[in-house]
PDB file of all heavy atoms in Angstrom:
ATOM      1  N   ASP A   1      32.721   3.570  18.501  1.00  0.00           N
ATOM      2  CA  ASP A   1      33.949   3.024  17.909  1.00  0.00           C
ATOM      3  C   ASP A   1      35.154   3.899  18.243  1.00  0.00           C
ATOM      4  O   ASP A   1      36.243   3.381  18.533  1.00  0.00           O
ATOM      5  CB  ASP A   1      33.798   2.901  16.394  1.00  0.00           C
ATOM      6  CG  ASP A   1      32.870   1.757  15.993  1.00  0.00           C
ATOM      7  OD1 ASP A   1      32.626   0.870  16.840  1.00  0.00           O
ATOM      8  OD2 ASP A   1      32.389   1.764  14.845  1.00  0.00           O
ATOM      9  N   LYS A   2      34.984   5.207  18.214  1.00  0.00           N
ATOM     10  CA  LYS A   2      36.090   6.110  18.534  1.00  0.00           C
ATOM     11  C   LYS A   2      36.512   5.937  19.991  1.00  0.00           C
ATOM     12  O   LYS A   2      37.710   5.921  20.312  1.00  0.00           O
ATOM     13  CB  LYS A   2      35.677   7.557  18.255  1.00  0.00           C
ATOM     14  CG  LYS A   2      36.785   8.573  18.497  1.00  0.00           C
ATOM     15  CD  LYS A   2      36.316   9.968  18.078  1.00  0.00           C
ATOM     16  CE  LYS A   2      37.425  10.988  18.280  1.00  0.00           C
ATOM     17  NZ  LYS A   2      37.008  12.343  17.829  1.00  0.00           N
ATOM     18  N   LEU A   3      35.546   5.797  20.879  1.00  0.00           N
ATOM     19  CA  LEU A   3      35.850   5.626  22.294  1.00  0.00           C
ATOM     20  C   LEU A   3      36.493   4.271  22.571  1.00  0.00           C
ATOM     21  O   LEU A   3      37.366   4.154  23.437  1.00  0.00           O
ATOM     22  CB  LEU A   3      34.584   5.820  23.121  1.00  0.00           C
ATOM     23  CG  LEU A   3      34.073   7.268  23.129  1.00  0.00           C
ATOM     24  CD1 LEU A   3      32.648   7.342  23.655  1.00  0.00           C
ATOM     25  CD2 LEU A   3      34.988   8.163  23.949  1.00  0.00           C
ATOM     26  N   TYR A   4      36.097   3.256  21.812  1.00  0.00           N
ATOM     27  CA  TYR A   4      36.748   1.955  21.956  1.00  0.00           C
ATOM     28  C   TYR A   4      38.217   2.028  21.534  1.00  0.00           C
ATOM     29  O   TYR A   4      39.067   1.327  22.083  1.00  0.00           O
ATOM     30  CB  TYR A   4      36.023   0.904  21.139  1.00  0.00           C
ATOM     31  CG  TYR A   4      34.736   0.396  21.755  1.00  0.00           C
ATOM     32  CD1 TYR A   4      33.795  -0.270  20.969  1.00  0.00           C
ATOM     33  CD2 TYR A   4      34.465   0.551  23.102  1.00  0.00           C
ATOM     34  CE1 TYR A   4      32.618  -0.754  21.516  1.00  0.00           C
ATOM     35  CE2 TYR A   4      33.292   0.084  23.660  1.00  0.00           C
ATOM     36  CZ  TYR A   4      32.365  -0.571  22.858  1.00  0.00           C
ATOM     37  OH  TYR A   4      31.208  -1.043  23.403  1.00  0.00           O
ATOM     38  N   ARG A   5      38.517   2.874  20.553  1.00  0.00           N
ATOM     39  CA  ARG A   5      39.920   3.029  20.155  1.00  0.00           C
ATOM     40  C   ARG A   5      40.716   3.721  21.261  1.00  0.00           C
ATOM     41  O   ARG A   5      41.898   3.422  21.468  1.00  0.00           O
ATOM     42  CB  ARG A   5      40.017   3.817  18.845  1.00  0.00           C
ATOM     43  CG  ARG A   5      39.552   3.019  17.620  1.00  0.00           C
ATOM     44  CD  ARG A   5      39.972   3.690  16.324  1.00  0.00           C
ATOM     45  NE  ARG A   5      39.323   4.973  16.114  1.00  0.00           N
ATOM     46  CZ  ARG A   5      38.134   5.111  15.519  1.00  0.00           C
ATOM     47  NH1 ARG A   5      37.479   4.036  15.074  1.00  0.00           N
ATOM     48  NH2 ARG A   5      37.612   6.303  15.343  1.00  0.00           N
ATOM     49  N   LEU A   6      40.079   4.654  21.961  1.00  0.00           N
ATOM     50  CA  LEU A   6      40.743   5.319  23.074  1.00  0.00           C
ATOM     51  C   LEU A   6      40.917   4.380  24.265  1.00  0.00           C
ATOM     52  O   LEU A   6      41.944   4.408  24.948  1.00  0.00           O
ATOM     53  CB  LEU A   6      39.933   6.542  23.515  1.00  0.00           C
ATOM     54  CG  LEU A   6      40.010   7.787  22.649  1.00  0.00           C
ATOM     55  CD1 LEU A   6      39.056   8.860  23.191  1.00  0.00           C
ATOM     56  CD2 LEU A   6      41.428   8.330  22.606  1.00  0.00           C
ATOM     57  N   PHE A   7      39.894   3.562  24.525  1.00  0.00           N
ATOM     58  CA  PHE A   7      39.886   2.672  25.686  1.00  0.00           C
ATOM     59  C   PHE A   7      39.637   1.233  25.227  1.00  0.00           C
ATOM     60  O   PHE A   7      38.513   0.735  25.302  1.00  0.00           O
ATOM     61  CB  PHE A   7      38.792   3.090  26.667  1.00  0.00           C
ATOM     62  CG  PHE A   7      38.991   4.447  27.298  1.00  0.00           C
ATOM     63  CD1 PHE A   7      37.991   5.405  27.226  1.00  0.00           C
ATOM     64  CD2 PHE A   7      40.158   4.752  27.979  1.00  0.00           C
ATOM     65  CE1 PHE A   7      38.152   6.642  27.823  1.00  0.00           C
ATOM     66  CE2 PHE A   7      40.329   5.988  28.581  1.00  0.00           C
ATOM     67  CZ  PHE A   7      39.331   6.938  28.500  1.00  0.00           C
ATOM     68  N   PRO A   8      40.659   0.547  24.735  1.00  0.00           N
ATOM     69  CA  PRO A   8      40.472  -0.821  24.226  1.00  0.00           C
ATOM     70  C   PRO A   8      39.884  -1.767  25.267  1.00  0.00           C
ATOM     71  O   PRO A   8      39.203  -2.737  24.896  1.00  0.00           O
ATOM     72  CB  PRO A   8      41.883  -1.239  23.811  1.00  0.00           C
ATOM     73  CG  PRO A   8      42.617   0.043  23.555  1.00  0.00           C
ATOM     74  CD  PRO A   8      42.048   1.011  24.537  1.00  0.00           C
ATOM     75  N   ASN A   9      40.151  -1.527  26.548  1.00  0.00           N
ATOM     76  CA  ASN A   9      39.569  -2.376  27.587  1.00  0.00           C
ATOM     77  C   ASN A   9      38.046  -2.418  27.486  1.00  0.00           C
ATOM     78  O   ASN A   9      37.423  -3.464  27.737  1.00  0.00           O
ATOM     79  CB  ASN A   9      39.946  -1.870  28.977  1.00  0.00           C
ATOM     80  CG  ASN A   9      41.429  -1.875  29.233  1.00  0.00           C
ATOM     81  OD1 ASN A   9      42.174  -1.267  28.473  1.00  0.00           O
ATOM     82  ND2 ASN A   9      41.858  -2.549  30.288  1.00  0.00           N
ATOM     83  N   LEU A  10      37.453  -1.289  27.153  1.00  0.00           N
ATOM     84  CA  LEU A  10      35.996  -1.231  27.082  1.00  0.00           C
ATOM     85  C   LEU A  10      35.466  -2.054  25.909  1.00  0.00           C
ATOM     86  O   LEU A  10      34.421  -2.704  26.024  1.00  0.00           O
ATOM     87  CB  LEU A  10      35.523   0.219  26.963  1.00  0.00           C
ATOM     88  CG  LEU A  10      35.832   1.132  28.148  1.00  0.00           C
ATOM     89  CD1 LEU A  10      35.196   2.507  27.927  1.00  0.00           C
ATOM     90  CD2 LEU A  10      35.341   0.531  29.468  1.00  0.00           C
ATOM     91  N   GLU A  11      36.184  -2.041  24.797  1.00  0.00           N
ATOM     92  CA  GLU A  11      35.729  -2.854  23.662  1.00  0.00           C
ATOM     93  C   GLU A  11      35.797  -4.331  24.018  1.00  0.00           C
ATOM     94  O   GLU A  11      34.890  -5.112  23.685  1.00  0.00           O
ATOM     95  CB  GLU A  11      36.561  -2.565  22.429  1.00  0.00           C
ATOM     96  CG  GLU A  11      36.081  -3.361  21.219  1.00  0.00           C
ATOM     97  CD  GLU A  11      36.778  -2.959  19.937  1.00  0.00           C
ATOM     98  OE1 GLU A  11      37.890  -2.409  20.025  1.00  0.00           O
ATOM     99  OE2 GLU A  11      36.202  -3.187  18.856  1.00  0.00           O
ATOM    100  N   THR A  12      36.863  -4.722  24.713  1.00  0.00           N
ATOM    101  CA  THR A  12      37.005  -6.114  25.116  1.00  0.00           C
ATOM    102  C   THR A  12      35.842  -6.556  26.002  1.00  0.00           C
ATOM    103  O   THR A  12      35.369  -7.700  25.918  1.00  0.00           O
ATOM    104  CB  THR A  12      38.331  -6.314  25.867  1.00  0.00           C
ATOM    105  OG1 THR A  12      39.413  -5.960  24.989  1.00  0.00           O
ATOM    106  CG2 THR A  12      38.493  -7.750  26.323  1.00  0.00           C
ATOM    107  N   ARG A  13      35.327  -5.623  26.802  1.00  0.00           N
ATOM    108  CA  ARG A  13      34.290  -5.957  27.779  1.00  0.00           C
ATOM    109  C   ARG A  13      32.935  -5.332  27.413  1.00  0.00           C
ATOM    110  O   ARG A  13      32.083  -5.150  28.271  1.00  0.00           O
ATOM    111  CB  ARG A  13      34.740  -5.496  29.170  1.00  0.00           C
ATOM    112  CG  ARG A  13      36.147  -5.963  29.517  1.00  0.00           C
ATOM    113  CD  ARG A  13      36.480  -5.847  30.965  1.00  0.00           C
ATOM    114  NE  ARG A  13      35.782  -6.864  31.744  1.00  0.00           N
ATOM    115  CZ  ARG A  13      35.964  -7.073  33.045  1.00  0.00           C
ATOM    116  NH1 ARG A  13      36.824  -6.336  33.710  1.00  0.00           N
ATOM    117  NH2 ARG A  13      35.295  -8.000  33.674  1.00  0.00           N
ATOM    118  N   ARG A  14      32.734  -5.086  26.143  1.00  0.00           N
ATOM    119  CA  ARG A  14      31.559  -4.344  25.681  1.00  0.00           C
ATOM    120  C   ARG A  14      30.242  -5.011  26.056  1.00  0.00           C
ATOM    121  O   ARG A  14      29.227  -4.333  26.245  1.00  0.00           O
ATOM    122  CB  ARG A  14      31.636  -4.141  24.170  1.00  0.00           C
ATOM    123  CG  ARG A  14      31.605  -5.432  23.374  1.00  0.00           C
ATOM    124  CD  ARG A  14      32.036  -5.209  21.924  1.00  0.00           C
ATOM    125  NE  ARG A  14      31.156  -4.279  21.228  1.00  0.00           N
ATOM    126  CZ  ARG A  14      31.412  -3.795  20.017  1.00  0.00           C
ATOM    127  NH1 ARG A  14      32.536  -4.135  19.392  1.00  0.00           N
ATOM    128  NH2 ARG A  14      30.575  -2.982  19.431  1.00  0.00           N
ATOM    129  N   HIS A  15      30.226  -6.332  26.190  1.00  0.00           N
ATOM    130  CA  HIS A  15      28.977  -7.045  26.496  1.00  0.00           C
ATOM    131  C   HIS A  15      28.857  -7.423  27.976  1.00  0.00           C
ATOM    132  O   HIS A  15      27.917  -8.121  28.351  1.00  0.00           O
ATOM    133  CB  HIS A  15      28.873  -8.298  25.629  1.00  0.00           C
ATOM    134  CG  HIS A  15      28.853  -8.007  24.156  1.00  0.00           C
ATOM    135  ND1 HIS A  15      27.933  -7.160  23.584  1.00  0.00           N
ATOM    136  CD2 HIS A  15      29.674  -8.447  23.144  1.00  0.00           C
ATOM    137  CE1 HIS A  15      28.161  -7.093  22.281  1.00  0.00           C
ATOM    138  NE2 HIS A  15      29.207  -7.851  21.996  1.00  0.00           N
ATOM    139  N   GLN A  16      29.787  -6.940  28.797  1.00  0.00           N
ATOM    140  CA  GLN A  16      29.729  -7.225  30.230  1.00  0.00           C
ATOM    141  C   GLN A  16      29.078  -6.068  30.975  1.00  0.00           C
ATOM    142  O   GLN A  16      29.158  -4.912  30.557  1.00  0.00           O
ATOM    143  CB  GLN A  16      31.134  -7.490  30.774  1.00  0.00           C
ATOM    144  CG  GLN A  16      31.777  -8.718  30.162  1.00  0.00           C
ATOM    145  CD  GLN A  16      33.114  -9.054  30.813  1.00  0.00           C
ATOM    146  OE1 GLN A  16      33.429  -8.553  31.868  1.00  0.00           O
ATOM    147  NE2 GLN A  16      33.879  -9.917  30.167  1.00  0.00           N
ATOM    148  N   ARG A  17      28.432  -6.394  32.076  1.00  0.00           N
ATOM    149  CA  ARG A  17      27.758  -5.366  32.861  1.00  0.00           C
ATOM    150  C   ARG A  17      28.763  -4.443  33.549  1.00  0.00           C
ATOM    151  O   ARG A  17      29.861  -4.854  33.920  1.00  0.00           O
ATOM    152  CB  ARG A  17      26.843  -6.017  33.905  1.00  0.00           C
ATOM    153  CG  ARG A  17      25.666  -6.751  33.282  1.00  0.00           C
ATOM    154  CD  ARG A  17      24.700  -7.227  34.341  1.00  0.00           C
ATOM    155  NE  ARG A  17      23.554  -7.904  33.744  1.00  0.00           N
ATOM    156  CZ  ARG A  17      22.506  -8.343  34.428  1.00  0.00           C
ATOM    157  NH1 ARG A  17      22.473  -8.186  35.750  1.00  0.00           N
ATOM    158  NH2 ARG A  17      21.507  -8.938  33.807  1.00  0.00           N
ATOM    159  N   GLY A  18      28.351  -3.224  33.732  1.00  0.00           N
ATOM    160  CA  GLY A  18      29.225  -2.246  34.358  1.00  0.00           C
ATOM    161  C   GLY A  18      29.659  -2.641  35.753  1.00  0.00           C
ATOM    162  O   GLY A  18      30.752  -2.284  36.196  1.00  0.00           O
ATOM    163  N   SER A  19      28.828  -3.374  36.452  1.00  0.00           N
ATOM    164  CA  SER A  19      29.118  -3.737  37.837  1.00  0.00           C
ATOM    165  C   SER A  19      30.316  -4.661  37.975  1.00  0.00           C
ATOM    166  O   SER A  19      30.893  -4.760  39.068  1.00  0.00           O
ATOM    167  CB  SER A  19      27.893  -4.385  38.484  1.00  0.00           C
ATOM    168  OG  SER A  19      27.508  -5.554  37.773  1.00  0.00           O
ATOM    169  N   VAL A  20      30.715  -5.352  36.913  1.00  0.00           N
ATOM    170  CA  VAL A  20      31.828  -6.303  37.012  1.00  0.00           C
ATOM    171  C   VAL A  20      33.147  -5.699  36.539  1.00  0.00           C
ATOM    172  O   VAL A  20      34.179  -6.368  36.600  1.00  0.00           O
ATOM    173  CB  VAL A  20      31.534  -7.599  36.219  1.00  0.00           C
ATOM    174  CG1 VAL A  20      30.226  -8.218  36.663  1.00  0.00           C
ATOM    175  CG2 VAL A  20      31.536  -7.344  34.718  1.00  0.00           C
ATOM    176  N   LEU A  21      33.141  -4.447  36.096  1.00  0.00           N
ATOM    177  CA  LEU A  21      34.373  -3.808  35.645  1.00  0.00           C
ATOM    178  C   LEU A  21      35.248  -3.438  36.834  1.00  0.00           C
ATOM    179  O   LEU A  21      34.764  -3.214  37.948  1.00  0.00           O
ATOM    180  CB  LEU A  21      34.055  -2.535  34.849  1.00  0.00           C
ATOM    181  CG  LEU A  21      33.159  -2.663  33.618  1.00  0.00           C
ATOM    182  CD1 LEU A  21      33.005  -1.301  32.959  1.00  0.00           C
ATOM    183  CD2 LEU A  21      33.716  -3.681  32.632  1.00  0.00           C
ATOM    184  N   SER A  22      36.545  -3.336  36.584  1.00  0.00           N
ATOM    185  CA  SER A  22      37.454  -2.831  37.607  1.00  0.00           C
ATOM    186  C   SER A  22      37.204  -1.340  37.809  1.00  0.00           C
ATOM    187  O   SER A  22      36.516  -0.690  37.008  1.00  0.00           O
ATOM    188  CB  SER A  22      38.909  -3.051  37.179  1.00  0.00           C
ATOM    189  OG  SER A  22      39.238  -2.197  36.097  1.00  0.00           O
ATOM    190  N   GLY A  23      37.795  -0.770  38.879  1.00  0.00           N
ATOM    191  CA  GLY A  23      37.625   0.657  39.128  1.00  0.00           C
ATOM    192  C   GLY A  23      38.124   1.512  37.985  1.00  0.00           C
ATOM    193  O   GLY A  23      37.477   2.490  37.586  1.00  0.00           O
ATOM    194  N   GLY A  24      39.282   1.149  37.416  1.00  0.00           N
ATOM    195  CA  GLY A  24      39.811   1.902  36.290  1.00  0.00           C
ATOM    196  C   GLY A  24      38.927   1.813  35.068  1.00  0.00           C
ATOM    197  O   GLY A  24      38.701   2.804  34.362  1.00  0.00           O
ATOM    198  N   GLU A  25      38.404   0.620  34.801  1.00  0.00           N
ATOM    199  CA  GLU A  25      37.508   0.451  33.652  1.00  0.00           C
ATOM    200  C   GLU A  25      36.205   1.206  33.861  1.00  0.00           C
ATOM    201  O   GLU A  25      35.646   1.782  32.911  1.00  0.00           O
ATOM    202  CB  GLU A  25      37.257  -1.034  33.424  1.00  0.00           C
ATOM    203  CG  GLU A  25      38.482  -1.777  32.901  1.00  0.00           C
ATOM    204  CD  GLU A  25      38.341  -3.283  32.976  1.00  0.00           C
ATOM    205  OE1 GLU A  25      37.496  -3.782  33.762  1.00  0.00           O
ATOM    206  OE2 GLU A  25      39.069  -3.977  32.248  1.00  0.00           O
ATOM    207  N   GLN A  26      35.700   1.240  35.083  1.00  0.00           N
ATOM    208  CA  GLN A  26      34.493   2.018  35.363  1.00  0.00           C
ATOM    209  C   GLN A  26      34.732   3.511  35.128  1.00  0.00           C
ATOM    210  O   GLN A  26      33.855   4.212  34.619  1.00  0.00           O
ATOM    211  CB  GLN A  26      34.018   1.764  36.786  1.00  0.00           C
ATOM    212  CG  GLN A  26      33.412   0.389  37.003  1.00  0.00           C
ATOM    213  CD  GLN A  26      32.804   0.234  38.379  1.00  0.00           C
ATOM    214  OE1 GLN A  26      32.759   1.162  39.179  1.00  0.00           O
ATOM    215  NE2 GLN A  26      32.323  -0.974  38.677  1.00  0.00           N
ATOM    216  N   GLN A  27      35.922   3.991  35.495  1.00  0.00           N
ATOM    217  CA  GLN A  27      36.214   5.403  35.252  1.00  0.00           C
ATOM    218  C   GLN A  27      36.311   5.689  33.761  1.00  0.00           C
ATOM    219  O   GLN A  27      35.824   6.715  33.284  1.00  0.00           O
ATOM    220  CB  GLN A  27      37.513   5.802  35.952  1.00  0.00           C
ATOM    221  CG  GLN A  27      37.782   7.305  35.953  1.00  0.00           C
ATOM    222  CD  GLN A  27      36.708   8.089  36.681  1.00  0.00           C
ATOM    223  OE1 GLN A  27      35.702   8.490  36.099  1.00  0.00           O
ATOM    224  NE2 GLN A  27      36.897   8.293  37.968  1.00  0.00           N
ATOM    225  N   MET A  28      36.930   4.792  33.009  1.00  0.00           N
ATOM    226  CA  MET A  28      36.972   4.936  31.559  1.00  0.00           C
ATOM    227  C   MET A  28      35.563   4.985  30.979  1.00  0.00           C
ATOM    228  O   MET A  28      35.264   5.782  30.081  1.00  0.00           O
ATOM    229  CB  MET A  28      37.748   3.778  30.929  1.00  0.00           C
ATOM    230  CG  MET A  28      39.228   3.776  31.234  1.00  0.00           C
ATOM    231  SD  MET A  28      40.024   2.293  30.542  1.00  0.00           S
ATOM    232  CE  MET A  28      41.717   2.553  31.056  1.00  0.00           C
ATOM    233  N   LEU A  29      34.690   4.134  31.512  1.00  0.00           N
ATOM    234  CA  LEU A  29      33.315   4.102  31.027  1.00  0.00           C
ATOM    235  C   LEU A  29      32.579   5.382  31.394  1.00  0.00           C
ATOM    236  O   LEU A  29      31.810   5.913  30.583  1.00  0.00           O
ATOM    237  CB  LEU A  29      32.589   2.879  31.599  1.00  0.00           C
ATOM    238  CG  LEU A  29      31.124   2.705  31.193  1.00  0.00           C
ATOM    239  CD1 LEU A  29      30.971   2.680  29.675  1.00  0.00           C
ATOM    240  CD2 LEU A  29      30.555   1.418  31.809  1.00  0.00           C
ATOM    241  N   ALA A  30      32.813   5.897  32.597  1.00  0.00           N
ATOM    242  CA  ALA A  30      32.144   7.138  33.005  1.00  0.00           C
ATOM    243  C   ALA A  30      32.559   8.301  32.111  1.00  0.00           C
ATOM    244  O   ALA A  30      31.716   9.124  31.700  1.00  0.00           O
ATOM    245  CB  ALA A  30      32.473   7.442  34.466  1.00  0.00           C
ATOM    246  N   ILE A  31      33.843   8.386  31.786  1.00  0.00           N
ATOM    247  CA  ILE A  31      34.315   9.447  30.890  1.00  0.00           C
ATOM    248  C   ILE A  31      33.750   9.244  29.489  1.00  0.00           C
ATOM    249  O   ILE A  31      33.272  10.198  28.845  1.00  0.00           O
ATOM    250  CB  ILE A  31      35.852   9.469  30.868  1.00  0.00           C
ATOM    251  CG1 ILE A  31      36.392   9.898  32.238  1.00  0.00           C
ATOM    252  CG2 ILE A  31      36.357  10.410  29.771  1.00  0.00           C
ATOM    253  CD1 ILE A  31      37.894   9.729  32.380  1.00  0.00           C
ATOM    254  N   SER A  32      33.770   8.013  29.018  1.00  0.00           N
ATOM    255  CA  SER A  32      33.243   7.721  27.678  1.00  0.00           C
ATOM    256  C   SER A  32      31.745   8.031  27.595  1.00  0.00           C
ATOM    257  O   SER A  32      31.262   8.554  26.586  1.00  0.00           O
ATOM    258  CB  SER A  32      33.501   6.257  27.324  1.00  0.00           C
ATOM    259  OG  SER A  32      34.879   5.987  27.271  1.00  0.00           O
ATOM    260  N   ARG A  33      31.010   7.693  28.646  1.00  0.00           N
ATOM    261  CA  ARG A  33      29.576   7.975  28.660  1.00  0.00           C
ATOM    262  C   ARG A  33      29.319   9.475  28.558  1.00  0.00           C
ATOM    263  O   ARG A  33      28.422   9.919  27.827  1.00  0.00           O
ATOM    264  CB  ARG A  33      28.948   7.412  29.928  1.00  0.00           C
ATOM    265  CG  ARG A  33      27.426   7.557  29.978  1.00  0.00           C
ATOM    266  CD  ARG A  33      26.863   6.983  31.254  1.00  0.00           C
ATOM    267  NE  ARG A  33      27.386   7.664  32.443  1.00  0.00           N
ATOM    268  CZ  ARG A  33      27.078   7.328  33.690  1.00  0.00           C
ATOM    269  NH1 ARG A  33      26.272   6.320  33.926  1.00  0.00           N
ATOM    270  NH2 ARG A  33      27.594   7.997  34.699  1.00  0.00           N
ATOM    271  N   ALA A  34      30.118  10.282  29.275  1.00  0.00           N
ATOM    272  CA  ALA A  34      29.959  11.735  29.175  1.00  0.00           C
ATOM    273  C   ALA A  34      30.273  12.224  27.764  1.00  0.00           C
ATOM    274  O   ALA A  34      29.567  13.090  27.223  1.00  0.00           O
ATOM    275  CB  ALA A  34      30.858  12.424  30.188  1.00  0.00           C
ATOM    276  N   LEU A  35      31.300  11.674  27.146  1.00  0.00           N
ATOM    277  CA  LEU A  35      31.668  12.093  25.797  1.00  0.00           C
ATOM    278  C   LEU A  35      30.625  11.668  24.766  1.00  0.00           C
ATOM    279  O   LEU A  35      30.451  12.348  23.744  1.00  0.00           O
ATOM    280  CB  LEU A  35      33.038  11.531  25.424  1.00  0.00           C
ATOM    281  CG  LEU A  35      34.226  12.144  26.184  1.00  0.00           C
ATOM    282  CD1 LEU A  35      35.505  11.390  25.860  1.00  0.00           C
ATOM    283  CD2 LEU A  35      34.373  13.623  25.846  1.00  0.00           C
ATOM    284  N   MET A  36      29.919  10.572  25.013  1.00  0.00           N
ATOM    285  CA  MET A  36      28.862  10.151  24.091  1.00  0.00           C
ATOM    286  C   MET A  36      27.740  11.185  24.005  1.00  0.00           C
ATOM    287  O   MET A  36      26.982  11.201  23.034  1.00  0.00           O
ATOM    288  CB  MET A  36      28.284   8.804  24.525  1.00  0.00           C
ATOM    289  CG  MET A  36      29.114   7.608  24.084  1.00  0.00           C
ATOM    290  SD  MET A  36      29.251   7.427  22.292  1.00  0.00           S
ATOM    291  CE  MET A  36      27.546   7.050  21.853  1.00  0.00           C
ATOM    292  N   GLY A  37      27.640  12.042  25.000  1.00  0.00           N
ATOM    293  CA  GLY A  37      26.683  13.146  24.931  1.00  0.00           C
ATOM    294  C   GLY A  37      27.159  14.275  24.040  1.00  0.00           C
ATOM    295  O   GLY A  37      26.463  15.277  23.903  1.00  0.00           O
ATOM    296  N   ASN A  38      28.349  14.102  23.416  1.00  0.00           N
ATOM    297  CA  ASN A  38      28.936  15.135  22.561  1.00  0.00           C
ATOM    298  C   ASN A  38      28.877  16.513  23.222  1.00  0.00           C
ATOM    299  O   ASN A  38      28.328  17.462  22.665  1.00  0.00           O
ATOM    300  CB  ASN A  38      28.259  15.145  21.189  1.00  0.00           C
ATOM    301  CG  ASN A  38      28.740  14.002  20.309  1.00  0.00           C
ATOM    302  OD1 ASN A  38      29.913  13.910  19.963  1.00  0.00           O
ATOM    303  ND2 ASN A  38      27.823  13.100  19.979  1.00  0.00           N
TER     304      ASN A  38
END
């Protein structure tokens, strides 16, 4: 939820596969995934 607040695009596309995201959205997801490891 915290990461979705930082990157609203990801919340909008939360149920879509990573392969269909734009390059910018994929980078947001890569950063968010690293942060999920706390």
